Amino acid sequence: IDGVKQSVATGTTGTTWYENRKDVV
């Protein structure tokens, strides 16, 4: 994600991952 290898919960969406970034559409 954004160039960094990440471990995330199954079912994670872009909406939940970027919930604190209002500039991401």
mmCIF file of all heavy atoms, coordinates in Angstrom:
data_MODEL
# 
_entry.id   MODEL 
# 
loop_
_atom_site.group_PDB 
_atom_site.id 
_atom_site.type_symbol 
_atom_site.label_atom_id 
_atom_site.label_alt_id 
_atom_site.label_comp_id 
_atom_site.label_asym_id 
_atom_site.label_entity_id 
_atom_site.label_seq_id 
_atom_site.pdbx_PDB_ins_code 
_atom_site.Cartn_x 
_atom_site.Cartn_y 
_atom_site.Cartn_z 
_atom_site.occupancy 
_atom_site.B_iso_or_equiv 
_atom_site.pdbx_formal_charge 
_atom_site.auth_seq_id 
_atom_site.auth_comp_id 
_atom_site.auth_asym_id 
_atom_site.auth_atom_id 
_atom_site.pdbx_PDB_model_num 
ATOM 1   N N   . ILE A 1 1  ? 0.850   -1.187  0.000  1.00 0.00 ? 1  ILE A N   1 
ATOM 2   C CA  . ILE A 1 1  ? 0.000   0.000   0.000  1.00 0.00 ? 1  ILE A CA  1 
ATOM 3   C C   . ILE A 1 1  ? 0.886   1.237   0.000  1.00 0.00 ? 1  ILE A C   1 
ATOM 4   O O   . ILE A 1 1  ? 1.713   1.421   0.902  1.00 0.00 ? 1  ILE A O   1 
ATOM 5   C CB  . ILE A 1 1  ? -0.936  0.031   1.227  1.00 0.00 ? 1  ILE A CB  1 
ATOM 6   C CG1 . ILE A 1 1  ? -1.763  -1.255  1.308  1.00 0.00 ? 1  ILE A CG1 1 
ATOM 7   C CG2 . ILE A 1 1  ? -1.853  1.249   1.156  1.00 0.00 ? 1  ILE A CG2 1 
ATOM 8   C CD1 . ILE A 1 1  ? -2.656  -1.330  2.534  1.00 0.00 ? 1  ILE A CD1 1 
ATOM 9   N N   . ASP A 1 2  ? 0.740   2.045   -1.034 1.00 0.00 ? 2  ASP A N   1 
ATOM 10  C CA  . ASP A 1 2  ? 1.539   3.277   -1.170 1.00 0.00 ? 2  ASP A CA  1 
ATOM 11  C C   . ASP A 1 2  ? 3.025   2.983   -1.027 1.00 0.00 ? 2  ASP A C   1 
ATOM 12  O O   . ASP A 1 2  ? 3.767   3.720   -0.359 1.00 0.00 ? 2  ASP A O   1 
ATOM 13  C CB  . ASP A 1 2  ? 1.086   4.334   -0.164 1.00 0.00 ? 2  ASP A CB  1 
ATOM 14  C CG  . ASP A 1 2  ? -0.330  4.825   -0.437 1.00 0.00 ? 2  ASP A CG  1 
ATOM 15  O OD1 . ASP A 1 2  ? -0.718  4.881   -1.617 1.00 0.00 ? 2  ASP A OD1 1 
ATOM 16  O OD2 . ASP A 1 2  ? -1.052  5.126   0.530  1.00 0.00 ? 2  ASP A OD2 1 
ATOM 17  N N   . GLY A 1 3  ? 3.448   1.863   -1.628 1.00 0.00 ? 3  GLY A N   1 
ATOM 18  C CA  . GLY A 1 3  ? 4.865   1.525   -1.667 1.00 0.00 ? 3  GLY A CA  1 
ATOM 19  C C   . GLY A 1 3  ? 5.392   0.788   -0.457 1.00 0.00 ? 3  GLY A C   1 
ATOM 20  O O   . GLY A 1 3  ? 6.580   0.447   -0.411 1.00 0.00 ? 3  GLY A O   1 
ATOM 21  N N   . VAL A 1 4  ? 4.529   0.529   0.533  1.00 0.00 ? 4  VAL A N   1 
ATOM 22  C CA  . VAL A 1 4  ? 4.968   -0.144  1.760  1.00 0.00 ? 4  VAL A CA  1 
ATOM 23  C C   . VAL A 1 4  ? 4.211   -1.465  1.907  1.00 0.00 ? 4  VAL A C   1 
ATOM 24  O O   . VAL A 1 4  ? 2.983   -1.506  1.776  1.00 0.00 ? 4  VAL A O   1 
ATOM 25  C CB  . VAL A 1 4  ? 4.700   0.738   2.999  1.00 0.00 ? 4  VAL A CB  1 
ATOM 26  C CG1 . VAL A 1 4  ? 5.124   0.009   4.276  1.00 0.00 ? 4  VAL A CG1 1 
ATOM 27  C CG2 . VAL A 1 4  ? 5.434   2.065   2.866  1.00 0.00 ? 4  VAL A CG2 1 
ATOM 28  N N   . LYS A 1 5  ? 4.933   -2.544  2.199  1.00 0.00 ? 5  LYS A N   1 
ATOM 29  C CA  . LYS A 1 5  ? 4.290   -3.839  2.396  1.00 0.00 ? 5  LYS A CA  1 
ATOM 30  C C   . LYS A 1 5  ? 3.519   -3.811  3.712  1.00 0.00 ? 5  LYS A C   1 
ATOM 31  O O   . LYS A 1 5  ? 4.048   -3.435  4.762  1.00 0.00 ? 5  LYS A O   1 
ATOM 32  C CB  . LYS A 1 5  ? 5.336   -4.951  2.414  1.00 0.00 ? 5  LYS A CB  1 
ATOM 33  C CG  . LYS A 1 5  ? 4.731   -6.349  2.305  1.00 0.00 ? 5  LYS A CG  1 
ATOM 34  C CD  . LYS A 1 5  ? 5.796   -7.403  2.062  1.00 0.00 ? 5  LYS A CD  1 
ATOM 35  C CE  . LYS A 1 5  ? 5.171   -8.775  1.853  1.00 0.00 ? 5  LYS A CE  1 
ATOM 36  N NZ  . LYS A 1 5  ? 6.190   -9.812  1.561  1.00 0.00 ? 5  LYS A NZ  1 
ATOM 37  N N   . GLN A 1 6  ? 2.235   -4.209  3.647  1.00 0.00 ? 6  GLN A N   1 
ATOM 38  C CA  . GLN A 1 6  ? 1.364   -4.116  4.809  1.00 0.00 ? 6  GLN A CA  1 
ATOM 39  C C   . GLN A 1 6  ? 0.626   -5.444  5.022  1.00 0.00 ? 6  GLN A C   1 
ATOM 40  O O   . GLN A 1 6  ? 0.354   -6.186  4.078  1.00 0.00 ? 6  GLN A O   1 
ATOM 41  C CB  . GLN A 1 6  ? 0.298   -3.026  4.599  1.00 0.00 ? 6  GLN A CB  1 
ATOM 42  C CG  . GLN A 1 6  ? 0.848   -1.649  4.301  1.00 0.00 ? 6  GLN A CG  1 
ATOM 43  C CD  . GLN A 1 6  ? 1.203   -0.880  5.553  1.00 0.00 ? 6  GLN A CD  1 
ATOM 44  O OE1 . GLN A 1 6  ? 1.097   -1.393  6.673  1.00 0.00 ? 6  GLN A OE1 1 
ATOM 45  N NE2 . GLN A 1 6  ? 1.628   0.360   5.381  1.00 0.00 ? 6  GLN A NE2 1 
ATOM 46  N N   . SER A 1 7  ? 0.281   -5.699  6.272  1.00 0.00 ? 7  SER A N   1 
ATOM 47  C CA  . SER A 1 7  ? -0.627  -6.790  6.626  1.00 0.00 ? 7  SER A CA  1 
ATOM 48  C C   . SER A 1 7  ? -1.908  -6.156  7.133  1.00 0.00 ? 7  SER A C   1 
ATOM 49  O O   . SER A 1 7  ? -1.874  -5.360  8.089  1.00 0.00 ? 7  SER A O   1 
ATOM 50  C CB  . SER A 1 7  ? -0.019  -7.682  7.710  1.00 0.00 ? 7  SER A CB  1 
ATOM 51  O OG  . SER A 1 7  ? 1.115   -8.367  7.225  1.00 0.00 ? 7  SER A OG  1 
ATOM 52  N N   . VAL A 1 8  ? -3.037  -6.491  6.497  1.00 0.00 ? 8  VAL A N   1 
ATOM 53  C CA  . VAL A 1 8  ? -4.304  -5.875  6.871  1.00 0.00 ? 8  VAL A CA  1 
ATOM 54  C C   . VAL A 1 8  ? -5.357  -6.951  7.060  1.00 0.00 ? 8  VAL A C   1 
ATOM 55  O O   . VAL A 1 8  ? -5.235  -8.077  6.557  1.00 0.00 ? 8  VAL A O   1 
ATOM 56  C CB  . VAL A 1 8  ? -4.782  -4.867  5.800  1.00 0.00 ? 8  VAL A CB  1 
ATOM 57  C CG1 . VAL A 1 8  ? -3.747  -3.790  5.571  1.00 0.00 ? 8  VAL A CG1 1 
ATOM 58  C CG2 . VAL A 1 8  ? -5.111  -5.580  4.496  1.00 0.00 ? 8  VAL A CG2 1 
ATOM 59  N N   . ALA A 1 9  ? -6.392  -6.604  7.779  1.00 0.00 ? 9  ALA A N   1 
ATOM 60  C CA  . ALA A 1 9  ? -7.482  -7.545  8.025  1.00 0.00 ? 9  ALA A CA  1 
ATOM 61  C C   . ALA A 1 9  ? -8.228  -7.841  6.734  1.00 0.00 ? 9  ALA A C   1 
ATOM 62  O O   . ALA A 1 9  ? -8.445  -6.943  5.902  1.00 0.00 ? 9  ALA A O   1 
ATOM 63  C CB  . ALA A 1 9  ? -8.437  -6.979  9.066  1.00 0.00 ? 9  ALA A CB  1 
ATOM 64  N N   . THR A 1 10 ? -8.603  -9.085  6.569  1.00 0.00 ? 10 THR A N   1 
ATOM 65  C CA  . THR A 1 10 ? -9.415  -9.466  5.414  1.00 0.00 ? 10 THR A CA  1 
ATOM 66  C C   . THR A 1 10 ? -10.700 -8.642  5.408  1.00 0.00 ? 10 THR A C   1 
ATOM 67  O O   . THR A 1 10 ? -11.341 -8.459  6.448  1.00 0.00 ? 10 THR A O   1 
ATOM 68  C CB  . THR A 1 10 ? -9.763  -10.963 5.482  1.00 0.00 ? 10 THR A CB  1 
ATOM 69  O OG1 . THR A 1 10 ? -8.562  -11.724 5.502  1.00 0.00 ? 10 THR A OG1 1 
ATOM 70  C CG2 . THR A 1 10 ? -10.607 -11.380 4.277  1.00 0.00 ? 10 THR A CG2 1 
ATOM 71  N N   . GLY A 1 11 ? -11.064 -8.135  4.230  1.00 0.00 ? 11 GLY A N   1 
ATOM 72  C CA  . GLY A 1 11 ? -12.264 -7.311  4.115  1.00 0.00 ? 11 GLY A CA  1 
ATOM 73  C C   . GLY A 1 11 ? -12.000 -5.822  4.212  1.00 0.00 ? 11 GLY A C   1 
ATOM 74  O O   . GLY A 1 11 ? -12.930 -5.019  4.070  1.00 0.00 ? 11 GLY A O   1 
ATOM 75  N N   . THR A 1 12 ? -10.725 -5.439  4.443  1.00 0.00 ? 12 THR A N   1 
ATOM 76  C CA  . THR A 1 12 ? -10.391 -4.010  4.501  1.00 0.00 ? 12 THR A CA  1 
ATOM 77  C C   . THR A 1 12 ? -10.649 -3.371  3.142  1.00 0.00 ? 12 THR A C   1 
ATOM 78  O O   . THR A 1 12 ? -10.299 -3.919  2.097  1.00 0.00 ? 12 THR A O   1 
ATOM 79  C CB  . THR A 1 12 ? -8.918  -3.813  4.892  1.00 0.00 ? 12 THR A CB  1 
ATOM 80  O OG1 . THR A 1 12 ? -8.696  -4.369  6.186  1.00 0.00 ? 12 THR A OG1 1 
ATOM 81  C CG2 . THR A 1 12 ? -8.552  -2.333  4.907  1.00 0.00 ? 12 THR A CG2 1 
ATOM 82  N N   . THR A 1 13 ? -11.240 -2.210  3.159  1.00 0.00 ? 13 THR A N   1 
ATOM 83  C CA  . THR A 1 13 ? -11.503 -1.468  1.922  1.00 0.00 ? 13 THR A CA  1 
ATOM 84  C C   . THR A 1 13 ? -10.680 -0.187  1.894  1.00 0.00 ? 13 THR A C   1 
ATOM 85  O O   . THR A 1 13 ? -10.115 0.237   2.918  1.00 0.00 ? 13 THR A O   1 
ATOM 86  C CB  . THR A 1 13 ? -12.991 -1.100  1.804  1.00 0.00 ? 13 THR A CB  1 
ATOM 87  O OG1 . THR A 1 13 ? -13.307 -0.156  2.852  1.00 0.00 ? 13 THR A OG1 1 
ATOM 88  C CG2 . THR A 1 13 ? -13.881 -2.315  1.928  1.00 0.00 ? 13 THR A CG2 1 
ATOM 89  N N   . GLY A 1 14 ? -10.646 0.431   0.740  1.00 0.00 ? 14 GLY A N   1 
ATOM 90  C CA  . GLY A 1 14 ? -9.976  1.721   0.637  1.00 0.00 ? 14 GLY A CA  1 
ATOM 91  C C   . GLY A 1 14 ? -10.618 2.751   1.536  1.00 0.00 ? 14 GLY A C   1 
ATOM 92  O O   . GLY A 1 14 ? -9.942  3.612   2.113  1.00 0.00 ? 14 GLY A O   1 
ATOM 93  N N   . THR A 1 15 ? -11.930 2.670   1.685  1.00 0.00 ? 15 THR A N   1 
ATOM 94  C CA  . THR A 1 15 ? -12.651 3.625   2.526  1.00 0.00 ? 15 THR A CA  1 
ATOM 95  C C   . THR A 1 15 ? -12.181 3.544   3.979  1.00 0.00 ? 15 THR A C   1 
ATOM 96  O O   . THR A 1 15 ? -11.940 4.579   4.621  1.00 0.00 ? 15 THR A O   1 
ATOM 97  C CB  . THR A 1 15 ? -14.164 3.369   2.454  1.00 0.00 ? 15 THR A CB  1 
ATOM 98  O OG1 . THR A 1 15 ? -14.588 3.459   1.096  1.00 0.00 ? 15 THR A OG1 1 
ATOM 99  C CG2 . THR A 1 15 ? -14.925 4.385   3.292  1.00 0.00 ? 15 THR A CG2 1 
ATOM 100 N N   . THR A 1 16 ? -12.041 2.326   4.496  1.00 0.00 ? 16 THR A N   1 
ATOM 101 C CA  . THR A 1 16 ? -11.616 2.187   5.893  1.00 0.00 ? 16 THR A CA  1 
ATOM 102 C C   . THR A 1 16 ? -10.138 2.504   6.058  1.00 0.00 ? 16 THR A C   1 
ATOM 103 O O   . THR A 1 16 ? -9.735  3.098   7.057  1.00 0.00 ? 16 THR A O   1 
ATOM 104 C CB  . THR A 1 16 ? -11.904 0.764   6.388  1.00 0.00 ? 16 THR A CB  1 
ATOM 105 O OG1 . THR A 1 16 ? -11.278 -0.193  5.510  1.00 0.00 ? 16 THR A OG1 1 
ATOM 106 C CG2 . THR A 1 16 ? -13.389 0.496   6.419  1.00 0.00 ? 16 THR A CG2 1 
ATOM 107 N N   . TRP A 1 17 ? -9.315  2.111   5.102  1.00 0.00 ? 17 TRP A N   1 
ATOM 108 C CA  . TRP A 1 17 ? -7.869  2.338   5.233  1.00 0.00 ? 17 TRP A CA  1 
ATOM 109 C C   . TRP A 1 17 ? -7.543  3.833   5.188  1.00 0.00 ? 17 TRP A C   1 
ATOM 110 O O   . TRP A 1 17 ? -6.697  4.317   5.921  1.00 0.00 ? 17 TRP A O   1 
ATOM 111 C CB  . TRP A 1 17 ? -7.124  1.589   4.131  1.00 0.00 ? 17 TRP A CB  1 
ATOM 112 C CG  . TRP A 1 17 ? -5.635  1.734   4.231  1.00 0.00 ? 17 TRP A CG  1 
ATOM 113 C CD1 . TRP A 1 17 ? -4.834  2.608   3.572  1.00 0.00 ? 17 TRP A CD1 1 
ATOM 114 C CD2 . TRP A 1 17 ? -4.762  1.000   5.092  1.00 0.00 ? 17 TRP A CD2 1 
ATOM 115 N NE1 . TRP A 1 17 ? -3.524  2.467   3.941  1.00 0.00 ? 17 TRP A NE1 1 
ATOM 116 C CE2 . TRP A 1 17 ? -3.455  1.469   4.885  1.00 0.00 ? 17 TRP A CE2 1 
ATOM 117 C CE3 . TRP A 1 17 ? -4.965  -0.032  6.025  1.00 0.00 ? 17 TRP A CE3 1 
ATOM 118 C CZ2 . TRP A 1 17 ? -2.357  0.963   5.559  1.00 0.00 ? 17 TRP A CZ2 1 
ATOM 119 C CZ3 . TRP A 1 17 ? -3.867  -0.547  6.692  1.00 0.00 ? 17 TRP A CZ3 1 
ATOM 120 C CH2 . TRP A 1 17 ? -2.582  -0.048  6.452  1.00 0.00 ? 17 TRP A CH2 1 
ATOM 121 N N   . TYR A 1 18 ? -8.235  4.561   4.323  1.00 0.00 ? 18 TYR A N   1 
ATOM 122 C CA  . TYR A 1 18 ? -7.928  5.985   4.146  1.00 0.00 ? 18 TYR A CA  1 
ATOM 123 C C   . TYR A 1 18 ? -8.980  6.872   4.835  1.00 0.00 ? 18 TYR A C   1 
ATOM 124 O O   . TYR A 1 18 ? -9.181  8.016   4.419  1.00 0.00 ? 18 TYR A O   1 
ATOM 125 C CB  . TYR A 1 18 ? -7.868  6.333   2.653  1.00 0.00 ? 18 TYR A CB  1 
ATOM 126 C CG  . TYR A 1 18 ? -6.710  5.699   1.919  1.00 0.00 ? 18 TYR A CG  1 
ATOM 127 C CD1 . TYR A 1 18 ? -6.922  4.638   1.043  1.00 0.00 ? 18 TYR A CD1 1 
ATOM 128 C CD2 . TYR A 1 18 ? -5.408  6.159   2.094  1.00 0.00 ? 18 TYR A CD2 1 
ATOM 129 C CE1 . TYR A 1 18 ? -5.869  4.051   0.358  1.00 0.00 ? 18 TYR A CE1 1 
ATOM 130 C CE2 . TYR A 1 18 ? -4.345  5.588   1.413  1.00 0.00 ? 18 TYR A CE2 1 
ATOM 131 C CZ  . TYR A 1 18 ? -4.575  4.526   0.548  1.00 0.00 ? 18 TYR A CZ  1 
ATOM 132 O OH  . TYR A 1 18 ? -3.526  3.953   -0.124 1.00 0.00 ? 18 TYR A OH  1 
ATOM 133 N N   . GLU A 1 19 ? -9.613  6.386   5.907  1.00 0.00 ? 19 GLU A N   1 
ATOM 134 C CA  . GLU A 1 19 ? -10.692 7.149   6.532  1.00 0.00 ? 19 GLU A CA  1 
ATOM 135 C C   . GLU A 1 19 ? -10.233 8.489   7.092  1.00 0.00 ? 19 GLU A C   1 
ATOM 136 O O   . GLU A 1 19 ? -11.041 9.414   7.237  1.00 0.00 ? 19 GLU A O   1 
ATOM 137 C CB  . GLU A 1 19 ? -11.349 6.315   7.632  1.00 0.00 ? 19 GLU A CB  1 
ATOM 138 C CG  . GLU A 1 19 ? -10.416 5.936   8.777  1.00 0.00 ? 19 GLU A CG  1 
ATOM 139 C CD  . GLU A 1 19 ? -11.144 5.090   9.822  1.00 0.00 ? 19 GLU A CD  1 
ATOM 140 O OE1 . GLU A 1 19 ? -12.388 5.081   9.805  1.00 0.00 ? 19 GLU A OE1 1 
ATOM 141 O OE2 . GLU A 1 19 ? -10.459 4.440   10.634 1.00 0.00 ? 19 GLU A OE2 1 
ATOM 142 N N   . ASN A 1 20 ? -8.948  8.614   7.375  1.00 0.00 ? 20 ASN A N   1 
ATOM 143 C CA  . ASN A 1 20 ? -8.433  9.878   7.922  1.00 0.00 ? 20 ASN A CA  1 
ATOM 144 C C   . ASN A 1 20 ? -7.841  10.791  6.856  1.00 0.00 ? 20 ASN A C   1 
ATOM 145 O O   . ASN A 1 20 ? -7.291  11.840  7.176  1.00 0.00 ? 20 ASN A O   1 
ATOM 146 C CB  . ASN A 1 20 ? -7.387  9.594   8.999  1.00 0.00 ? 20 ASN A CB  1 
ATOM 147 C CG  . ASN A 1 20 ? -7.983  8.914   10.209 1.00 0.00 ? 20 ASN A CG  1 
ATOM 148 O OD1 . ASN A 1 20 ? -9.111  9.228   10.621 1.00 0.00 ? 20 ASN A OD1 1 
ATOM 149 N ND2 . ASN A 1 20 ? -7.255  7.958   10.785 1.00 0.00 ? 20 ASN A ND2 1 
ATOM 150 N N   . ARG A 1 21 ? -7.939  10.354  5.604  1.00 0.00 ? 21 ARG A N   1 
ATOM 151 C CA  . ARG A 1 21 ? -7.410  11.182  4.511  1.00 0.00 ? 21 ARG A CA  1 
ATOM 152 C C   . ARG A 1 21 ? -8.560  11.615  3.611  1.00 0.00 ? 21 ARG A C   1 
ATOM 153 O O   . ARG A 1 21 ? -9.031  10.866  2.758  1.00 0.00 ? 21 ARG A O   1 
ATOM 154 C CB  . ARG A 1 21 ? -6.366  10.406  3.700  1.00 0.00 ? 21 ARG A CB  1 
ATOM 155 C CG  . ARG A 1 21 ? -5.036  10.255  4.424  1.00 0.00 ? 21 ARG A CG  1 
ATOM 156 C CD  . ARG A 1 21 ? -3.969  9.742   3.467  1.00 0.00 ? 21 ARG A CD  1 
ATOM 157 N NE  . ARG A 1 21 ? -3.792  10.630  2.328  1.00 0.00 ? 21 ARG A NE  1 
ATOM 158 C CZ  . ARG A 1 21 ? -2.942  10.383  1.330  1.00 0.00 ? 21 ARG A CZ  1 
ATOM 159 N NH1 . ARG A 1 21 ? -2.224  9.261   1.334  1.00 0.00 ? 21 ARG A NH1 1 
ATOM 160 N NH2 . ARG A 1 21 ? -2.823  11.225  0.326  1.00 0.00 ? 21 ARG A NH2 1 
ATOM 161 N N   . LYS A 1 22 ? -9.002  12.845  3.797  1.00 0.00 ? 22 LYS A N   1 
ATOM 162 C CA  . LYS A 1 22 ? -10.149 13.354  3.050  1.00 0.00 ? 22 LYS A CA  1 
ATOM 163 C C   . LYS A 1 22 ? -9.804  13.662  1.592  1.00 0.00 ? 22 LYS A C   1 
ATOM 164 O O   . LYS A 1 22 ? -10.702 13.853  0.767  1.00 0.00 ? 22 LYS A O   1 
ATOM 165 C CB  . LYS A 1 22 ? -10.689 14.624  3.717  1.00 0.00 ? 22 LYS A CB  1 
ATOM 166 C CG  . LYS A 1 22 ? -11.122 14.404  5.171  1.00 0.00 ? 22 LYS A CG  1 
ATOM 167 C CD  . LYS A 1 22 ? -12.158 13.297  5.289  1.00 0.00 ? 22 LYS A CD  1 
ATOM 168 C CE  . LYS A 1 22 ? -12.597 13.107  6.734  1.00 0.00 ? 22 LYS A CE  1 
ATOM 169 N NZ  . LYS A 1 22 ? -13.515 11.954  6.891  1.00 0.00 ? 22 LYS A NZ  1 
ATOM 170 N N   . ASP A 1 23 ? -8.486  13.702  1.268  1.00 0.00 ? 23 ASP A N   1 
ATOM 171 C CA  . ASP A 1 23 ? -8.093  14.017  -0.101 1.00 0.00 ? 23 ASP A CA  1 
ATOM 172 C C   . ASP A 1 23 ? -8.108  12.798  -1.013 1.00 0.00 ? 23 ASP A C   1 
ATOM 173 O O   . ASP A 1 23 ? -8.009  12.911  -2.231 1.00 0.00 ? 23 ASP A O   1 
ATOM 174 C CB  . ASP A 1 23 ? -6.694  14.636  -0.129 1.00 0.00 ? 23 ASP A CB  1 
ATOM 175 C CG  . ASP A 1 23 ? -5.625  13.708  0.447  1.00 0.00 ? 23 ASP A CG  1 
ATOM 176 O OD1 . ASP A 1 23 ? -5.953  12.916  1.358  1.00 0.00 ? 23 ASP A OD1 1 
ATOM 177 O OD2 . ASP A 1 23 ? -4.470  13.776  -0.017 1.00 0.00 ? 23 ASP A OD2 1 
ATOM 178 N N   . VAL A 1 24 ? -8.230  11.588  -0.435 1.00 0.00 ? 24 VAL A N   1 
ATOM 179 C CA  . VAL A 1 24 ? -8.214  10.358  -1.230 1.00 0.00 ? 24 VAL A CA  1 
ATOM 180 C C   . VAL A 1 24 ? -9.633  10.049  -1.691 1.00 0.00 ? 24 VAL A C   1 
ATOM 181 O O   . VAL A 1 24 ? -10.555 9.923   -0.879 1.00 0.00 ? 24 VAL A O   1 
ATOM 182 C CB  . VAL A 1 24 ? -7.644  9.178   -0.425 1.00 0.00 ? 24 VAL A CB  1 
ATOM 183 C CG1 . VAL A 1 24 ? -7.685  7.895   -1.263 1.00 0.00 ? 24 VAL A CG1 1 
ATOM 184 C CG2 . VAL A 1 24 ? -6.209  9.480   0.009  1.00 0.00 ? 24 VAL A CG2 1 
ATOM 185 N N   . VAL A 1 25 ? -9.822  9.912   -3.014 1.00 0.00 ? 25 VAL A N   1 
ATOM 186 C CA  . VAL A 1 25 ? -11.158 9.702   -3.566 1.00 0.00 ? 25 VAL A CA  1 
ATOM 187 C C   . VAL A 1 25 ? -11.307 8.363   -4.281 1.00 0.00 ? 25 VAL A C   1 
ATOM 188 O O   . VAL A 1 25 ? -12.417 7.951   -4.628 1.00 0.00 ? 25 VAL A O   1 
ATOM 189 C CB  . VAL A 1 25 ? -11.539 10.834  -4.537 1.00 0.00 ? 25 VAL A CB  1 
ATOM 190 C CG1 . VAL A 1 25 ? -11.611 12.160  -3.804 1.00 0.00 ? 25 VAL A CG1 1 
ATOM 191 C CG2 . VAL A 1 25 ? -10.547 10.914  -5.701 1.00 0.00 ? 25 VAL A CG2 1 
# 
